Amino acid sequence: MRVEKRAGKTIAYQSPGTLSDPDFARFINADTAEMFFAQKVLLVEGDTERFLLPPLSSMLSQNGKTLDFNQQQISVVVMDGKDNIVNFLKILDEFESAAVRSWTRTFWPVRHASRSFPI
């Protein structure tokens, strides 16, 4: 189940059950589960991005609006390697989560991105 607050209302999304339990259980743990409570999810390859990006986001603004991940309710989720991106995208799609992807162009060219959400 994923919970989202939108326009003063709480909305709950539940998986229709198309993911198998072993696939789901393999990628969801105490660290990655926070993606079910975030408004947006930034998928990153490893711990370097997980620890570096949130503090940097608090130093940035665009058009007078802060890009602070905490204020914007953006969760940084480590995929433990770029090979797991497809699995995490399946999980996010299952729960209708907004995902922002982070990867190198050599791994996944932009033309293959199914959807992107501006921060």
Foldseek 3Di string as FASTA:
>chain_A
DAWDADPNDIDFFDFPPPDDPVLVVVQDDPQQVLLSDAQEEEEDADDVCQVPVQVVQQVDDDPPHGRRCVVNRYRYGHQNHPVRPVSVVVVCVRRVHHYAYDDDCVVPNPVRDPDHDDD
